[in-house]
Amino acid sequence: MTRKTWTADIEFEENEVATDARVTIHMDGAECVGRGRARRNPQDPSVPIIGEELAAARAFADLSHKLLDESAQILELHLGRHVELTS
């Protein structure tokens, strides 16, 4: 069995109304980036960890869609035909 390790870095930028997250996954010399944003309702208290968690979750969701698209494109190159990946 071959074992590989991919790593992910998450960076946050925050202000009083929003938190932006950027997740970068490093894999076999390549990388892929996902982005997410969480907006705070002005009537809600400022709890930074909530914004960070939501923004990170959305960044990982964005990343997962990009990885699926990339996988489909690579598979299409190898098969020579269109493919649709389903969950």
N, C-alpha and C. Protein backbone atom coordinates (compact mmCIF):
# COMPACT_ATOMS: atom_id res chain seq x y z
N MET A 1 0.84 -1.17 0.00
CA MET A 1 0.00 0.00 0.00
C MET A 1 0.89 1.24 0.00
N THR A 2 0.53 2.20 -0.83
CA THR A 2 1.24 3.47 -0.89
C THR A 2 0.55 4.48 0.02
N ARG A 3 1.35 5.18 0.78
CA ARG A 3 0.79 6.19 1.68
C ARG A 3 1.24 7.57 1.23
N LYS A 4 0.29 8.50 1.16
CA LYS A 4 0.58 9.88 0.80
C LYS A 4 -0.02 10.79 1.85
N THR A 5 0.58 11.95 1.99
CA THR A 5 0.05 12.95 2.91
C THR A 5 -0.14 14.26 2.16
N TRP A 6 -1.32 14.81 2.27
CA TRP A 6 -1.62 16.15 1.77
C TRP A 6 -1.78 17.04 2.99
N THR A 7 -1.40 18.28 2.87
CA THR A 7 -1.57 19.22 3.98
C THR A 7 -2.44 20.39 3.52
N ALA A 8 -3.10 21.00 4.48
CA ALA A 8 -3.96 22.15 4.19
C ALA A 8 -3.58 23.29 5.12
N ASP A 9 -3.51 24.48 4.56
CA ASP A 9 -3.30 25.71 5.32
C ASP A 9 -4.57 26.54 5.22
N ILE A 10 -4.98 27.11 6.34
CA ILE A 10 -6.16 27.98 6.35
C ILE A 10 -5.72 29.36 6.84
N GLU A 11 -6.05 30.37 6.05
CA GLU A 11 -5.74 31.75 6.41
C GLU A 11 -7.05 32.51 6.55
N PHE A 12 -7.11 33.38 7.54
CA PHE A 12 -8.32 34.17 7.79
C PHE A 12 -8.01 35.66 7.69
N GLU A 13 -8.98 36.40 7.18
CA GLU A 13 -8.97 37.86 7.24
C GLU A 13 -10.31 38.25 7.83
N GLU A 14 -10.26 39.05 8.89
CA GLU A 14 -11.49 39.40 9.61
C GLU A 14 -11.61 40.91 9.77
N ASN A 15 -12.85 41.36 9.77
CA ASN A 15 -13.16 42.72 10.17
C ASN A 15 -14.45 42.66 10.98
N GLU A 16 -15.04 43.80 11.29
CA GLU A 16 -16.21 43.80 12.17
C GLU A 16 -17.47 43.20 11.53
N VAL A 17 -17.48 43.04 10.21
CA VAL A 17 -18.70 42.54 9.56
C VAL A 17 -18.54 41.19 8.87
N ALA A 18 -17.30 40.78 8.58
CA ALA A 18 -17.13 39.53 7.82
C ALA A 18 -15.81 38.86 8.15
N THR A 19 -15.78 37.55 7.90
CA THR A 19 -14.56 36.76 8.01
C THR A 19 -14.38 36.03 6.69
N ASP A 20 -13.20 36.17 6.10
CA ASP A 20 -12.87 35.45 4.87
C ASP A 20 -11.85 34.38 5.20
N ALA A 21 -12.03 33.21 4.59
CA ALA A 21 -11.09 32.11 4.78
C ALA A 21 -10.56 31.68 3.42
N ARG A 22 -9.30 31.31 3.42
CA ARG A 22 -8.66 30.77 2.22
C ARG A 22 -7.97 29.49 2.65
N VAL A 23 -8.40 28.37 2.08
CA VAL A 23 -7.78 27.09 2.40
C VAL A 23 -6.99 26.64 1.17
N THR A 24 -5.73 26.29 1.41
CA THR A 24 -4.86 25.81 0.34
C THR A 24 -4.45 24.39 0.68
N ILE A 25 -4.74 23.47 -0.23
CA ILE A 25 -4.33 22.08 -0.02
C ILE A 25 -3.10 21.82 -0.89
N HIS A 26 -2.08 21.24 -0.29
CA HIS A 26 -0.83 20.94 -0.97
C HIS A 26 -0.79 19.44 -1.22
N MET A 27 -0.66 19.06 -2.50
CA MET A 27 -0.74 17.65 -2.87
C MET A 27 0.24 17.33 -3.99
N ASP A 28 1.18 16.49 -3.72
CA ASP A 28 2.11 15.99 -4.74
C ASP A 28 2.67 17.08 -5.65
N GLY A 29 3.12 18.18 -5.09
CA GLY A 29 3.71 19.24 -5.88
C GLY A 29 2.71 20.21 -6.49
N ALA A 30 1.44 19.97 -6.31
CA ALA A 30 0.40 20.87 -6.82
C ALA A 30 -0.37 21.43 -5.63
N GLU A 31 -1.18 22.42 -5.89
CA GLU A 31 -2.05 22.93 -4.83
C GLU A 31 -3.37 23.39 -5.43
N CYS A 32 -4.37 23.44 -4.57
CA CYS A 32 -5.71 23.88 -4.95
C CYS A 32 -6.22 24.77 -3.83
N VAL A 33 -6.96 25.82 -4.19
CA VAL A 33 -7.40 26.81 -3.22
C VAL A 33 -8.91 26.90 -3.20
N GLY A 34 -9.47 26.97 -2.00
CA GLY A 34 -10.90 27.22 -1.82
C GLY A 34 -11.09 28.46 -0.97
N ARG A 35 -12.18 29.16 -1.21
CA ARG A 35 -12.46 30.39 -0.46
C ARG A 35 -13.86 30.35 0.13
N GLY A 36 -14.00 30.98 1.29
CA GLY A 36 -15.30 31.07 1.93
C GLY A 36 -15.43 32.36 2.72
N ARG A 37 -16.67 32.78 2.93
CA ARG A 37 -16.92 34.02 3.67
C ARG A 37 -18.09 33.80 4.62
N ALA A 38 -17.96 34.38 5.79
CA ALA A 38 -19.06 34.42 6.76
C ALA A 38 -19.31 35.87 7.10
N ARG A 39 -20.58 36.25 7.07
CA ARG A 39 -20.96 37.62 7.42
C ARG A 39 -21.71 37.62 8.74
N ARG A 40 -21.37 38.57 9.58
CA ARG A 40 -22.03 38.67 10.88
C ARG A 40 -23.22 39.61 10.78
N ASN A 41 -24.34 39.14 11.29
CA ASN A 41 -25.51 40.00 11.41
C ASN A 41 -25.17 41.09 12.42
N PRO A 42 -25.38 42.36 12.09
CA PRO A 42 -25.02 43.44 13.02
C PRO A 42 -25.70 43.33 14.38
N GLN A 43 -26.81 42.61 14.45
CA GLN A 43 -27.51 42.46 15.73
C GLN A 43 -26.93 41.33 16.58
N ASP A 44 -26.07 40.49 15.99
CA ASP A 44 -25.48 39.38 16.73
C ASP A 44 -24.20 39.83 17.43
N PRO A 45 -23.87 39.18 18.55
CA PRO A 45 -22.61 39.53 19.23
C PRO A 45 -21.41 39.10 18.39
N SER A 46 -20.29 39.74 18.60
CA SER A 46 -19.07 39.40 17.88
C SER A 46 -18.40 38.21 18.58
N VAL A 47 -18.44 37.05 17.92
CA VAL A 47 -17.78 35.84 18.42
C VAL A 47 -16.91 35.33 17.27
N PRO A 48 -15.65 35.77 17.21
CA PRO A 48 -14.80 35.47 16.06
C PRO A 48 -14.71 34.00 15.67
N ILE A 49 -14.69 33.08 16.63
CA ILE A 49 -14.55 31.66 16.30
C ILE A 49 -15.71 31.18 15.43
N ILE A 50 -16.91 31.74 15.63
CA ILE A 50 -18.06 31.32 14.82
C ILE A 50 -17.83 31.73 13.37
N GLY A 51 -17.40 32.96 13.15
CA GLY A 51 -17.12 33.41 11.79
C GLY A 51 -16.01 32.61 11.14
N GLU A 52 -14.99 32.28 11.92
CA GLU A 52 -13.88 31.49 11.38
C GLU A 52 -14.34 30.10 10.98
N GLU A 53 -15.14 29.46 11.84
CA GLU A 53 -15.62 28.12 11.53
C GLU A 53 -16.51 28.12 10.29
N LEU A 54 -17.43 29.08 10.20
CA LEU A 54 -18.31 29.16 9.03
C LEU A 54 -17.52 29.45 7.76
N ALA A 55 -16.62 30.41 7.83
CA ALA A 55 -15.82 30.75 6.65
C ALA A 55 -14.95 29.57 6.22
N ALA A 56 -14.35 28.88 7.19
CA ALA A 56 -13.52 27.71 6.87
C ALA A 56 -14.36 26.60 6.25
N ALA A 57 -15.54 26.35 6.81
CA ALA A 57 -16.41 25.31 6.25
C ALA A 57 -16.77 25.64 4.81
N ARG A 58 -17.07 26.90 4.54
CA ARG A 58 -17.42 27.30 3.17
C ARG A 58 -16.20 27.22 2.25
N ALA A 59 -15.02 27.51 2.77
CA ALA A 59 -13.81 27.39 1.96
C ALA A 59 -13.53 25.93 1.62
N PHE A 60 -13.72 25.03 2.60
CA PHE A 60 -13.54 23.61 2.32
C PHE A 60 -14.59 23.09 1.35
N ALA A 61 -15.82 23.60 1.44
CA ALA A 61 -16.86 23.20 0.48
C ALA A 61 -16.48 23.65 -0.93
N ASP A 62 -15.98 24.88 -1.05
CA ASP A 62 -15.52 25.38 -2.35
C ASP A 62 -14.38 24.51 -2.87
N LEU A 63 -13.44 24.18 -1.98
CA LEU A 63 -12.31 23.34 -2.35
C LEU A 63 -12.78 21.96 -2.81
N SER A 64 -13.75 21.38 -2.12
CA SER A 64 -14.21 20.04 -2.50
C SER A 64 -14.81 20.04 -3.90
N HIS A 65 -15.55 21.09 -4.25
CA HIS A 65 -16.11 21.18 -5.60
C HIS A 65 -14.99 21.31 -6.65
N LYS A 66 -13.98 22.08 -6.32
CA LYS A 66 -12.86 22.24 -7.26
C LYS A 66 -12.11 20.93 -7.45
N LEU A 67 -11.91 20.17 -6.37
CA LEU A 67 -11.23 18.89 -6.48
C LEU A 67 -12.05 17.89 -7.29
N LEU A 68 -13.37 17.89 -7.11
CA LEU A 68 -14.23 17.02 -7.92
C LEU A 68 -14.14 17.39 -9.39
N ASP A 69 -14.19 18.68 -9.70
CA ASP A 69 -14.08 19.13 -11.09
C ASP A 69 -12.74 18.73 -11.69
N GLU A 70 -11.68 18.91 -10.92
CA GLU A 70 -10.34 18.55 -11.39
C GLU A 70 -10.25 17.04 -11.63
N SER A 71 -10.81 16.25 -10.73
CA SER A 71 -10.80 14.79 -10.89
C SER A 71 -11.53 14.38 -12.16
N ALA A 72 -12.67 15.01 -12.42
CA ALA A 72 -13.44 14.69 -13.63
C ALA A 72 -12.64 15.05 -14.88
N GLN A 73 -11.97 16.19 -14.87
CA GLN A 73 -11.18 16.60 -16.03
C GLN A 73 -10.03 15.63 -16.30
N ILE A 74 -9.36 15.20 -15.25
CA ILE A 74 -8.26 14.24 -15.41
C ILE A 74 -8.79 12.91 -15.92
N LEU A 75 -9.91 12.46 -15.38
CA LEU A 75 -10.51 11.21 -15.83
C LEU A 75 -10.92 11.30 -17.30
N GLU A 76 -11.48 12.43 -17.70
CA GLU A 76 -11.87 12.63 -19.10
C GLU A 76 -10.66 12.55 -20.02
N LEU A 77 -9.53 13.11 -19.59
CA LEU A 77 -8.31 13.02 -20.40
C LEU A 77 -7.88 11.57 -20.59
N HIS A 78 -7.97 10.77 -19.54
CA HIS A 78 -7.55 9.38 -19.61
C HIS A 78 -8.53 8.51 -20.38
N LEU A 79 -9.83 8.81 -20.28
CA LEU A 79 -10.84 7.99 -20.95
C LEU A 79 -11.15 8.48 -22.36
N GLY A 80 -10.88 9.75 -22.62
CA GLY A 80 -11.19 10.30 -23.93
C GLY A 80 -12.66 10.57 -24.15
N ARG A 81 -13.40 10.72 -23.06
CA ARG A 81 -14.83 11.00 -23.18
C ARG A 81 -15.28 11.79 -21.95
N HIS A 82 -16.47 12.39 -22.07
CA HIS A 82 -17.04 13.17 -20.98
C HIS A 82 -17.47 12.25 -19.83
N VAL A 83 -17.21 12.67 -18.61
CA VAL A 83 -17.67 11.91 -17.44
C VAL A 83 -18.40 12.86 -16.50
N GLU A 84 -19.32 12.31 -15.74
CA GLU A 84 -20.01 13.05 -14.69
C GLU A 84 -19.85 12.26 -13.40
N LEU A 85 -19.19 12.88 -12.44
CA LEU A 85 -19.00 12.23 -11.15
C LEU A 85 -20.20 12.51 -10.26
N THR A 86 -20.68 11.49 -9.60
CA THR A 86 -21.79 11.65 -8.66
C THR A 86 -21.31 11.27 -7.28
N SER A 87 -22.00 11.77 -6.28
CA SER A 87 -21.57 11.48 -4.91
C SER A 87 -22.10 10.18 -4.40
